[in-house]
């Protein structure tokens, strides 16, 4: 099993992003996803900037995958998508079926992202014939579902989001702009003000969702680190950490150490992690409500 770092889903200042990936380059993380996967209006980083980061990470020995938008809404976004898919060097993570189409058209391998709704083995086998090399399980599915789907070992790899805020939905509307009484077309990129998104609470003041521009996330942090040994036995190839701060690099590094020492991985101490989020969830993996916390036996 390998540890991956998913694409940065938040709108950070350009220098902050550069500093973040320089630390990633110096880390033990072997697989890095890179690119704007949420909103094309976030223009702190342009396509050329991402290519420079990708080259830097590659030179540091990382496998780099270019992540694409999860919601294509305009011809300009499709044009940009063509450039990303046909970049000539890096595999892409297709987060929309348009990216799957383009990769198949160019006979290029790709990773199928979690935002594409794959709910059975038949659809995965079709995508594998299109060129899919790795499948990222949709976050709302369970361990039992995955066990059944990969019972007959597939020829593609399997990746599971194991740590980070759950990406739940995308919308044509920008919730962060609406919160600031701004329209999407004149949003002023206000999502820059929220480095981990904007937490929305219930009337009882319980954290419920995290608004990240046009994306809705979980307010609680998914934490499946205690399941890493189980995943490896099932046949999961990649455990993904979704970044939201510099602390996520340390989390991923610790996981690399854990899987390199199997005798310790089963006893990976979640409670002793000083960087652990105060609110956690893991319900989907156990077939429960997503915000639930399933107690490990």
C-alpha atoms as a PDB file:
ATOM      1  CA  UNK A   1       0.000   0.000   0.000  1.00  0.00           C
ATOM      2  CA  UNK A   2       1.069   3.564  -0.748  1.00  0.00           C
ATOM      3  CA  UNK A   3       0.142   6.911   0.804  1.00  0.00           C
ATOM      4  CA  UNK A   4      -1.036   9.700  -1.469  1.00  0.00           C
ATOM      5  CA  UNK A   5      -1.665  13.394  -0.951  1.00  0.00           C
ATOM      6  CA  UNK A   6      -4.824  14.535  -2.695  1.00  0.00           C
ATOM      7  CA  UNK A   7      -5.194  17.855  -4.521  1.00  0.00           C
ATOM      8  CA  UNK A   8      -5.410  21.006  -2.427  1.00  0.00           C
ATOM      9  CA  UNK A   9      -9.130  21.828  -2.432  1.00  0.00           C
ATOM     10  CA  UNK A  10      -8.885  25.306  -0.888  1.00  0.00           C
ATOM     11  CA  UNK A  11      -7.989  28.708  -2.299  1.00  0.00           C
ATOM     12  CA  UNK A  12      -4.695  29.719  -0.704  1.00  0.00           C
ATOM     13  CA  UNK A  13      -2.388  32.577  -1.589  1.00  0.00           C
ATOM     14  CA  UNK A  14       0.139  31.693  -4.292  1.00  0.00           C
ATOM     15  CA  UNK A  15       3.181  31.845  -2.020  1.00  0.00           C
ATOM     16  CA  UNK A  16       1.420  29.708   0.576  1.00  0.00           C
ATOM     17  CA  UNK A  17       0.731  27.046  -2.060  1.00  0.00           C
ATOM     18  CA  UNK A  18       4.334  27.158  -3.269  1.00  0.00           C
ATOM     19  CA  UNK A  19       5.679  26.818   0.271  1.00  0.00           C
ATOM     20  CA  UNK A  20       3.302  23.926   0.932  1.00  0.00           C
ATOM     21  CA  UNK A  21       4.469  21.905  -2.071  1.00  0.00           C
ATOM     22  CA  UNK A  22       8.113  22.624  -1.345  1.00  0.00           C
ATOM     23  CA  UNK A  23       7.556  20.903   1.993  1.00  0.00           C
ATOM     24  CA  UNK A  24       5.727  18.086   0.204  1.00  0.00           C
ATOM     25  CA  UNK A  25       8.770  17.671  -2.054  1.00  0.00           C
ATOM     26  CA  UNK A  26      10.944  17.190   1.035  1.00  0.00           C
ATOM     27  CA  UNK A  27       8.527  14.674   2.567  1.00  0.00           C
ATOM     28  CA  UNK A  28       8.299  10.879   2.279  1.00  0.00           C
ATOM     29  CA  UNK A  29       4.961  11.027   0.426  1.00  0.00           C
ATOM     30  CA  UNK A  30       5.398   9.048  -2.808  1.00  0.00           C
ATOM     31  CA  UNK A  31       2.251  10.055  -4.724  1.00  0.00           C
ATOM     32  CA  UNK A  32       0.977  13.631  -5.090  1.00  0.00           C
ATOM     33  CA  UNK A  33      -2.171  14.894  -6.820  1.00  0.00           C
ATOM     34  CA  UNK A  34      -1.868  18.463  -8.026  1.00  0.00           C
ATOM     35  CA  UNK A  35      -4.264  20.935  -9.628  1.00  0.00           C
ATOM     36  CA  UNK A  36      -7.458  22.957  -9.249  1.00  0.00           C
ATOM     37  CA  UNK A  37     -10.293  20.485  -8.728  1.00  0.00           C
ATOM     38  CA  UNK A  38     -12.994  22.826  -7.382  1.00  0.00           C
ATOM     39  CA  UNK A  39     -13.405  26.167  -9.169  1.00  0.00           C
ATOM     40  CA  UNK A  40     -11.814  27.715 -12.263  1.00  0.00           C
ATOM     41  CA  UNK A  41     -12.328  31.217 -10.844  1.00  0.00           C
ATOM     42  CA  UNK A  42      -9.509  30.559  -8.415  1.00  0.00           C
ATOM     43  CA  UNK A  43      -6.717  32.067 -10.445  1.00  0.00           C
ATOM     44  CA  UNK A  44      -3.935  32.336  -7.874  1.00  0.00           C
ATOM     45  CA  UNK A  45      -2.300  29.443  -9.717  1.00  0.00           C
ATOM     46  CA  UNK A  46      -2.449  29.090 -13.468  1.00  0.00           C
ATOM     47  CA  UNK A  47      -1.833  25.969 -15.555  1.00  0.00           C
ATOM     48  CA  UNK A  48       1.795  26.907 -16.182  1.00  0.00           C
ATOM     49  CA  UNK A  49       2.357  27.342 -12.429  1.00  0.00           C
ATOM     50  CA  UNK A  50       0.990  23.879 -11.746  1.00  0.00           C
ATOM     51  CA  UNK A  51       3.277  22.396 -14.401  1.00  0.00           C
ATOM     52  CA  UNK A  52       6.269  24.015 -12.710  1.00  0.00           C
ATOM     53  CA  UNK A  53       5.214  22.523  -9.371  1.00  0.00           C
ATOM     54  CA  UNK A  54       4.689  19.141 -11.025  1.00  0.00           C
ATOM     55  CA  UNK A  55       8.203  19.226 -12.454  1.00  0.00           C
ATOM     56  CA  UNK A  56       9.641  20.206  -9.079  1.00  0.00           C
ATOM     57  CA  UNK A  57       7.833  17.343  -7.350  1.00  0.00           C
ATOM     58  CA  UNK A  58       8.870  14.882 -10.059  1.00  0.00           C
ATOM     59  CA  UNK A  59      12.509  15.884  -9.630  1.00  0.00           C
ATOM     60  CA  UNK A  60      12.078  15.213  -5.907  1.00  0.00           C
ATOM     61  CA  UNK A  61      11.107  11.637  -6.759  1.00  0.00           C
ATOM     62  CA  UNK A  62       7.334  11.938  -6.476  1.00  0.00           C
ATOM     63  CA  UNK A  63       4.765  10.379  -8.761  1.00  0.00           C
ATOM     64  CA  UNK A  64       2.604  13.327  -9.840  1.00  0.00           C
ATOM     65  CA  UNK A  65      -0.997  13.174 -11.074  1.00  0.00           C
ATOM     66  CA  UNK A  66      -2.797  16.250 -12.436  1.00  0.00           C
ATOM     67  CA  UNK A  67      -6.279  16.610 -10.917  1.00  0.00           C
ATOM     68  CA  UNK A  68      -9.008  18.117 -13.084  1.00  0.00           C
ATOM     69  CA  UNK A  69     -12.184  20.068 -12.250  1.00  0.00           C
ATOM     70  CA  UNK A  70     -15.084  18.094 -10.824  1.00  0.00           C
ATOM     71  CA  UNK A  71     -17.672  20.341 -12.497  1.00  0.00           C
ATOM     72  CA  UNK A  72     -17.154  21.617 -16.056  1.00  0.00           C
ATOM     73  CA  UNK A  73     -19.511  24.548 -16.680  1.00  0.00           C
ATOM     74  CA  UNK A  74     -18.035  26.652 -19.503  1.00  0.00           C
ATOM     75  CA  UNK A  75     -16.307  26.199 -22.890  1.00  0.00           C
ATOM     76  CA  UNK A  76     -13.193  27.874 -21.452  1.00  0.00           C
ATOM     77  CA  UNK A  77     -13.009  25.230 -18.740  1.00  0.00           C
ATOM     78  CA  UNK A  78     -13.270  22.476 -21.342  1.00  0.00           C
ATOM     79  CA  UNK A  79     -10.454  24.099 -23.341  1.00  0.00           C
ATOM     80  CA  UNK A  80      -8.291  24.157 -20.226  1.00  0.00           C
ATOM     81  CA  UNK A  81      -9.219  20.534 -19.557  1.00  0.00           C
ATOM     82  CA  UNK A  82      -7.900  19.564 -23.000  1.00  0.00           C
ATOM     83  CA  UNK A  83      -4.537  21.132 -22.153  1.00  0.00           C
ATOM     84  CA  UNK A  84      -4.397  19.267 -18.871  1.00  0.00           C
ATOM     85  CA  UNK A  85      -5.253  15.858 -20.315  1.00  0.00           C
ATOM     86  CA  UNK A  86      -2.864  16.205 -23.252  1.00  0.00           C
ATOM     87  CA  UNK A  87       0.037  17.616 -21.189  1.00  0.00           C
ATOM     88  CA  UNK A  88       2.450  15.030 -22.606  1.00  0.00           C
ATOM     89  CA  UNK A  89       3.999  13.953 -19.308  1.00  0.00           C
ATOM     90  CA  UNK A  90       1.716  13.503 -16.305  1.00  0.00           C
ATOM     91  CA  UNK A  91      -1.271  11.240 -15.796  1.00  0.00           C
ATOM     92  CA  UNK A  92      -4.527  12.995 -14.929  1.00  0.00           C
ATOM     93  CA  UNK A  93      -7.148  12.347 -12.293  1.00  0.00           C
ATOM     94  CA  UNK A  94     -10.435  12.583 -14.175  1.00  0.00           C
ATOM     95  CA  UNK A  95     -12.997  14.157 -11.859  1.00  0.00           C
ATOM     96  CA  UNK A  96     -15.596  14.636 -14.587  1.00  0.00           C
ATOM     97  CA  UNK A  97     -16.667  12.360 -17.452  1.00  0.00           C
ATOM     98  CA  UNK A  98     -15.431  14.969 -19.930  1.00  0.00           C
ATOM     99  CA  UNK A  99     -11.901  14.203 -18.743  1.00  0.00           C
ATOM    100  CA  UNK A 100     -12.555  10.470 -19.149  1.00  0.00           C
ATOM    101  CA  UNK A 101     -13.726  11.099 -22.709  1.00  0.00           C
ATOM    102  CA  UNK A 102     -10.649  13.141 -23.593  1.00  0.00           C
ATOM    103  CA  UNK A 103      -8.242  10.654 -22.030  1.00  0.00           C
ATOM    104  CA  UNK A 104      -9.882   7.803 -23.919  1.00  0.00           C
ATOM    105  CA  UNK A 105      -9.832   9.819 -27.148  1.00  0.00           C
ATOM    106  CA  UNK A 106      -6.084  10.398 -26.773  1.00  0.00           C
ATOM    107  CA  UNK A 107      -5.456   6.810 -25.629  1.00  0.00           C
ATOM    108  CA  UNK A 108      -4.001   8.079 -22.359  1.00  0.00           C
ATOM    109  CA  UNK A 109      -4.111   6.352 -18.954  1.00  0.00           C
ATOM    110  CA  UNK A 110      -5.976   8.118 -16.158  1.00  0.00           C
ATOM    111  CA  UNK A 111      -7.110   7.896 -12.545  1.00  0.00           C
ATOM    112  CA  UNK A 112     -10.875   7.958 -12.021  1.00  0.00           C
ATOM    113  CA  UNK A 113     -11.624  10.418  -9.205  1.00  0.00           C
ATOM    114  CA  UNK A 114     -14.144   9.976  -6.404  1.00  0.00           C
ATOM    115  CA  UNK A 115     -16.507  12.616  -7.831  1.00  0.00           C
ATOM    116  CA  UNK A 116     -17.436  10.271 -10.693  1.00  0.00           C
ATOM    117  CA  UNK A 117     -20.279   8.069  -9.513  1.00  0.00           C
ATOM    118  CA  UNK A 118     -19.043   4.497  -9.839  1.00  0.00           C
ATOM    119  CA  UNK A 119     -21.299   2.157  -7.916  1.00  0.00           C
ATOM    120  CA  UNK A 120     -20.658  -1.263  -9.448  1.00  0.00           C
ATOM    121  CA  UNK A 121     -17.907  -3.419 -10.890  1.00  0.00           C
ATOM    122  CA  UNK A 122     -19.377  -3.362 -14.397  1.00  0.00           C
ATOM    123  CA  UNK A 123     -18.881   0.414 -14.723  1.00  0.00           C
ATOM    124  CA  UNK A 124     -15.339   0.115 -13.375  1.00  0.00           C
ATOM    125  CA  UNK A 125     -14.477  -2.582 -15.893  1.00  0.00           C
ATOM    126  CA  UNK A 126     -15.732  -0.348 -18.716  1.00  0.00           C
ATOM    127  CA  UNK A 127     -13.611   2.543 -17.457  1.00  0.00           C
ATOM    128  CA  UNK A 128     -10.633   0.213 -17.211  1.00  0.00           C
ATOM    129  CA  UNK A 129     -11.051  -0.588 -20.904  1.00  0.00           C
ATOM    130  CA  UNK A 130     -11.098   3.174 -21.553  1.00  0.00           C
ATOM    131  CA  UNK A 131      -7.689   3.454 -19.884  1.00  0.00           C
ATOM    132  CA  UNK A 132      -8.394   3.782 -16.160  1.00  0.00           C
ATOM    133  CA  UNK A 133      -5.350   2.748 -14.127  1.00  0.00           C
ATOM    134  CA  UNK A 134      -6.658   3.595 -10.659  1.00  0.00           C
ATOM    135  CA  UNK A 135     -10.095   4.059  -9.128  1.00  0.00           C
ATOM    136  CA  UNK A 136     -10.782   6.386  -6.187  1.00  0.00           C
ATOM    137  CA  UNK A 137     -13.804   5.089  -4.293  1.00  0.00           C
ATOM    138  CA  UNK A 138     -16.694   7.568  -3.860  1.00  0.00           C
ATOM    139  CA  UNK A 139     -16.563   8.723  -0.260  1.00  0.00           C
ATOM    140  CA  UNK A 140     -20.125   7.689   0.609  1.00  0.00           C
ATOM    141  CA  UNK A 141     -19.504   4.000  -0.074  1.00  0.00           C
ATOM    142  CA  UNK A 142     -18.509   1.421   2.517  1.00  0.00           C
ATOM    143  CA  UNK A 143     -15.911  -1.177   3.338  1.00  0.00           C
ATOM    144  CA  UNK A 144     -18.496  -3.907   2.684  1.00  0.00           C
ATOM    145  CA  UNK A 145     -19.269  -2.470  -0.775  1.00  0.00           C
ATOM    146  CA  UNK A 146     -15.606  -2.294  -1.692  1.00  0.00           C
ATOM    147  CA  UNK A 147     -14.904  -5.823  -0.478  1.00  0.00           C
ATOM    148  CA  UNK A 148     -17.640  -7.145  -2.742  1.00  0.00           C
ATOM    149  CA  UNK A 149     -16.541  -5.092  -5.762  1.00  0.00           C
ATOM    150  CA  UNK A 150     -12.900  -6.166  -5.595  1.00  0.00           C
ATOM    151  CA  UNK A 151     -13.571  -9.727  -4.458  1.00  0.00           C
ATOM    152  CA  UNK A 152     -12.307 -10.802  -7.848  1.00  0.00           C
ATOM    153  CA  UNK A 153      -9.005  -8.929  -7.952  1.00  0.00           C
ATOM    154  CA  UNK A 154      -9.223  -6.172 -10.596  1.00  0.00           C
ATOM    155  CA  UNK A 155      -6.509  -5.179 -13.050  1.00  0.00           C
ATOM    156  CA  UNK A 156      -6.800  -1.559 -11.874  1.00  0.00           C
ATOM    157  CA  UNK A 157      -5.600  -0.108  -8.569  1.00  0.00           C
ATOM    158  CA  UNK A 158      -7.936   0.991  -5.770  1.00  0.00           C
ATOM    159  CA  UNK A 159      -7.555   4.205  -3.773  1.00  0.00           C
ATOM    160  CA  UNK A 160      -9.556   5.238  -0.700  1.00  0.00           C
ATOM    161  CA  UNK A 161      -9.780   8.670   0.914  1.00  0.00           C
ATOM    162  CA  UNK A 162      -8.728   7.899   4.476  1.00  0.00           C
ATOM    163  CA  UNK A 163      -8.040  11.257   6.110  1.00  0.00           C
ATOM    164  CA  UNK A 164      -9.384  14.755   5.505  1.00  0.00           C
ATOM    165  CA  UNK A 165     -12.637  16.608   5.007  1.00  0.00           C
ATOM    166  CA  UNK A 166     -15.105  14.649   2.896  1.00  0.00           C
ATOM    167  CA  UNK A 167     -16.016  16.218  -0.466  1.00  0.00           C
ATOM    168  CA  UNK A 168     -19.777  15.710  -0.528  1.00  0.00           C
ATOM    169  CA  UNK A 169     -21.199  17.705  -3.449  1.00  0.00           C
ATOM    170  CA  UNK A 170     -20.611  20.388  -6.064  1.00  0.00           C
ATOM    171  CA  UNK A 171     -23.037  23.052  -7.231  1.00  0.00           C
ATOM    172  CA  UNK A 172     -23.244  25.637  -9.987  1.00  0.00           C
ATOM    173  CA  UNK A 173     -23.740  28.182  -7.195  1.00  0.00           C
ATOM    174  CA  UNK A 174     -20.943  29.494  -4.990  1.00  0.00           C
ATOM    175  CA  UNK A 175     -22.029  29.184  -1.381  1.00  0.00           C
ATOM    176  CA  UNK A 176     -19.122  31.221  -0.028  1.00  0.00           C
ATOM    177  CA  UNK A 177     -19.926  34.156  -2.323  1.00  0.00           C
ATOM    178  CA  UNK A 178     -23.601  33.941  -1.390  1.00  0.00           C
ATOM    179  CA  UNK A 179     -22.656  34.072   2.294  1.00  0.00           C
ATOM    180  CA  UNK A 180     -20.897  37.379   1.550  1.00  0.00           C
ATOM    181  CA  UNK A 181     -23.897  38.693  -0.475  1.00  0.00           C
ATOM    182  CA  UNK A 182     -21.883  38.442  -3.684  1.00  0.00           C
ATOM    183  CA  UNK A 183     -22.808  36.845  -6.991  1.00  0.00           C
ATOM    184  CA  UNK A 184     -20.732  34.036  -8.404  1.00  0.00           C
ATOM    185  CA  UNK A 185     -19.725  36.157 -11.424  1.00  0.00           C
ATOM    186  CA  UNK A 186     -18.403  38.860  -9.061  1.00  0.00           C
ATOM    187  CA  UNK A 187     -17.238  36.671  -6.204  1.00  0.00           C
ATOM    188  CA  UNK A 188     -13.955  38.541  -5.608  1.00  0.00           C
ATOM    189  CA  UNK A 189     -12.539  35.072  -4.779  1.00  0.00           C
ATOM    190  CA  UNK A 190     -13.708  35.481  -1.190  1.00  0.00           C
ATOM    191  CA  UNK A 191     -12.962  31.805  -0.533  1.00  0.00           C
ATOM    192  CA  UNK A 192      -9.362  32.982   0.020  1.00  0.00           C
ATOM    193  CA  UNK A 193     -10.566  34.185   3.427  1.00  0.00           C
ATOM    194  CA  UNK A 194     -11.317  30.631   4.544  1.00  0.00           C
ATOM    195  CA  UNK A 195      -8.257  28.395   4.381  1.00  0.00           C
ATOM    196  CA  UNK A 196     -10.288  25.347   5.436  1.00  0.00           C
ATOM    197  CA  UNK A 197     -13.669  26.431   4.129  1.00  0.00           C
ATOM    198  CA  UNK A 198     -16.530  28.028   6.032  1.00  0.00           C
ATOM    199  CA  UNK A 199     -18.182  25.854   8.687  1.00  0.00           C
ATOM    200  CA  UNK A 200     -21.990  25.790   8.670  1.00  0.00           C
ATOM    201  CA  UNK A 201     -23.798  24.793  11.862  1.00  0.00           C
ATOM    202  CA  UNK A 202     -27.214  23.443  12.706  1.00  0.00           C
ATOM    203  CA  UNK A 203     -29.721  25.506  14.722  1.00  0.00           C
ATOM    204  CA  UNK A 204     -28.348  23.663  17.739  1.00  0.00           C
ATOM    205  CA  UNK A 205     -24.897  25.055  16.860  1.00  0.00           C
ATOM    206  CA  UNK A 206     -23.479  21.689  15.936  1.00  0.00           C
ATOM    207  CA  UNK A 207     -20.942  21.700  13.044  1.00  0.00           C
ATOM    208  CA  UNK A 208     -22.593  20.096  10.018  1.00  0.00           C
ATOM    209  CA  UNK A 209     -21.019  21.139   6.703  1.00  0.00           C
ATOM    210  CA  UNK A 210     -18.001  23.010   5.390  1.00  0.00           C
ATOM    211  CA  UNK A 211     -18.643  25.441   2.526  1.00  0.00           C
ATOM    212  CA  UNK A 212     -15.735  25.646   0.107  1.00  0.00           C
ATOM    213  CA  UNK A 213     -16.853  27.797  -2.784  1.00  0.00           C
ATOM    214  CA  UNK A 214     -19.020  25.633  -5.042  1.00  0.00           C
ATOM    215  CA  UNK A 215     -18.042  22.539  -3.055  1.00  0.00           C
ATOM    216  CA  UNK A 216     -19.726  21.226   0.084  1.00  0.00           C
ATOM    217  CA  UNK A 217     -17.582  19.222   2.501  1.00  0.00           C
ATOM    218  CA  UNK A 218     -18.056  17.543   5.848  1.00  0.00           C
ATOM    219  CA  UNK A 219     -17.498  19.728   8.886  1.00  0.00           C
ATOM    220  CA  UNK A 220     -15.824  16.796  10.618  1.00  0.00           C
ATOM    221  CA  UNK A 221     -12.516  15.317   9.549  1.00  0.00           C
ATOM    222  CA  UNK A 222     -12.658  11.789   8.182  1.00  0.00           C
ATOM    223  CA  UNK A 223     -10.165   9.577  10.001  1.00  0.00           C
ATOM    224  CA  UNK A 224      -9.658   5.982   8.856  1.00  0.00           C
ATOM    225  CA  UNK A 225      -6.039   5.636   9.901  1.00  0.00           C
ATOM    226  CA  UNK A 226      -6.898   2.803  12.272  1.00  0.00           C
ATOM    227  CA  UNK A 227      -8.297   0.905   9.264  1.00  0.00           C
ATOM    228  CA  UNK A 228      -5.099   1.011   7.229  1.00  0.00           C
ATOM    229  CA  UNK A 229      -4.145  -2.602   7.998  1.00  0.00           C
ATOM    230  CA  UNK A 230      -7.655  -3.774   7.109  1.00  0.00           C
ATOM    231  CA  UNK A 231      -7.512  -1.870   3.837  1.00  0.00           C
ATOM    232  CA  UNK A 232      -4.172  -3.426   2.930  1.00  0.00           C
ATOM    233  CA  UNK A 233      -5.549  -6.922   3.557  1.00  0.00           C
ATOM    234  CA  UNK A 234      -8.591  -6.135   1.404  1.00  0.00           C
ATOM    235  CA  UNK A 235      -6.399  -5.134  -1.529  1.00  0.00           C
ATOM    236  CA  UNK A 236      -6.551  -1.344  -1.327  1.00  0.00           C
ATOM    237  CA  UNK A 237      -3.476   0.021  -3.087  1.00  0.00           C
ATOM    238  CA  UNK A 238      -3.493   3.688  -2.020  1.00  0.00           C
ATOM    239  CA  UNK A 239      -4.593   5.500   1.163  1.00  0.00           C
ATOM    240  CA  UNK A 240      -5.286   9.181   0.433  1.00  0.00           C
ATOM    241  CA  UNK A 241      -4.755  12.131   2.741  1.00  0.00           C
ATOM    242  CA  UNK A 242      -6.689  15.227   1.648  1.00  0.00           C
ATOM    243  CA  UNK A 243      -4.652  18.301   2.632  1.00  0.00           C
ATOM    244  CA  UNK A 244      -6.067  21.231   4.570  1.00  0.00           C
ATOM    245  CA  UNK A 245      -2.943  22.512   6.372  1.00  0.00           C
ATOM    246  CA  UNK A 246       0.787  21.925   6.720  1.00  0.00           C
ATOM    247  CA  UNK A 247      -0.032  19.425   9.477  1.00  0.00           C
ATOM    248  CA  UNK A 248      -1.364  17.060   6.818  1.00  0.00           C
ATOM    249  CA  UNK A 249       2.181  16.540   5.541  1.00  0.00           C
ATOM    250  CA  UNK A 250       3.222  15.264   8.971  1.00  0.00           C
ATOM    251  CA  UNK A 251       0.138  13.039   9.067  1.00  0.00           C
ATOM    252  CA  UNK A 252       1.009  11.517   5.694  1.00  0.00           C
ATOM    253  CA  UNK A 253       4.649  11.070   6.693  1.00  0.00           C
ATOM    254  CA  UNK A 254       3.592   9.206   9.830  1.00  0.00           C
ATOM    255  CA  UNK A 255       1.413   6.919   7.710  1.00  0.00           C
ATOM    256  CA  UNK A 256       4.339   6.179   5.399  1.00  0.00           C
ATOM    257  CA  UNK A 257       6.343   5.155   8.453  1.00  0.00           C
ATOM    258  CA  UNK A 258       3.450   3.035   9.713  1.00  0.00           C
ATOM    259  CA  UNK A 259       3.015   1.031   6.529  1.00  0.00           C
ATOM    260  CA  UNK A 260       6.762   0.516   6.301  1.00  0.00           C
ATOM    261  CA  UNK A 261       6.631  -1.148   9.724  1.00  0.00           C
ATOM    262  CA  UNK A 262       3.608  -3.477   9.481  1.00  0.00           C
ATOM    263  CA  UNK A 263       3.942  -4.627  13.084  1.00  0.00           C
ATOM    264  CA  UNK A 264       3.194  -1.056  14.180  1.00  0.00           C
ATOM    265  CA  UNK A 265       0.553  -0.146  11.624  1.00  0.00           C
ATOM    266  CA  UNK A 266      -2.221  -2.089  13.333  1.00  0.00           C
ATOM    267  CA  UNK A 267      -1.654  -0.101  16.507  1.00  0.00           C
ATOM    268  CA  UNK A 268      -1.362   3.294  14.870  1.00  0.00           C
ATOM    269  CA  UNK A 269      -2.220   5.626  17.736  1.00  0.00           C
ATOM    270  CA  UNK A 270      -4.850   8.066  16.545  1.00  0.00           C
ATOM    271  CA  UNK A 271      -5.589   9.496  19.977  1.00  0.00           C
ATOM    272  CA  UNK A 272      -1.985  10.548  20.520  1.00  0.00           C
ATOM    273  CA  UNK A 273      -1.847  12.704  17.373  1.00  0.00           C
ATOM    274  CA  UNK A 274      -1.514  16.326  18.477  1.00  0.00           C
ATOM    275  CA  UNK A 275      -2.811  17.512  15.092  1.00  0.00           C
ATOM    276  CA  UNK A 276      -6.034  15.529  15.241  1.00  0.00           C
ATOM    277  CA  UNK A 277      -9.174  17.517  14.487  1.00  0.00           C
ATOM    278  CA  UNK A 278     -11.532  17.952  17.413  1.00  0.00           C
ATOM    279  CA  UNK A 279     -14.434  16.514  15.441  1.00  0.00           C
ATOM    280  CA  UNK A 280     -13.991  13.267  13.548  1.00  0.00           C
ATOM    281  CA  UNK A 281     -16.150  11.006  11.446  1.00  0.00           C
ATOM    282  CA  UNK A 282     -15.866   7.618   9.749  1.00  0.00           C
ATOM    283  CA  UNK A 283     -19.444   6.415   9.401  1.00  0.00           C
ATOM    284  CA  UNK A 284     -19.587   5.883   5.634  1.00  0.00           C
ATOM    285  CA  UNK A 285     -16.772   3.325   5.719  1.00  0.00           C
ATOM    286  CA  UNK A 286     -18.762   1.239   8.202  1.00  0.00           C
ATOM    287  CA  UNK A 287     -22.069   1.565   6.362  1.00  0.00           C
ATOM    288  CA  UNK A 288     -23.434   4.151   8.767  1.00  0.00           C
ATOM    289  CA  UNK A 289     -24.340   7.839   8.549  1.00  0.00           C
ATOM    290  CA  UNK A 290     -21.320   9.708   7.273  1.00  0.00           C
ATOM    291  CA  UNK A 291     -20.978  11.995  10.297  1.00  0.00           C
ATOM    292  CA  UNK A 292     -21.055   9.051  12.708  1.00  0.00           C
ATOM    293  CA  UNK A 293     -18.011   7.924  14.639  1.00  0.00           C
ATOM    294  CA  UNK A 294     -17.767   4.143  14.592  1.00  0.00           C
ATOM    295  CA  UNK A 295     -15.923   2.857  17.647  1.00  0.00           C
ATOM    296  CA  UNK A 296     -13.188   0.391  16.776  1.00  0.00           C
ATOM    297  CA  UNK A 297     -13.485  -2.956  18.505  1.00  0.00           C
END
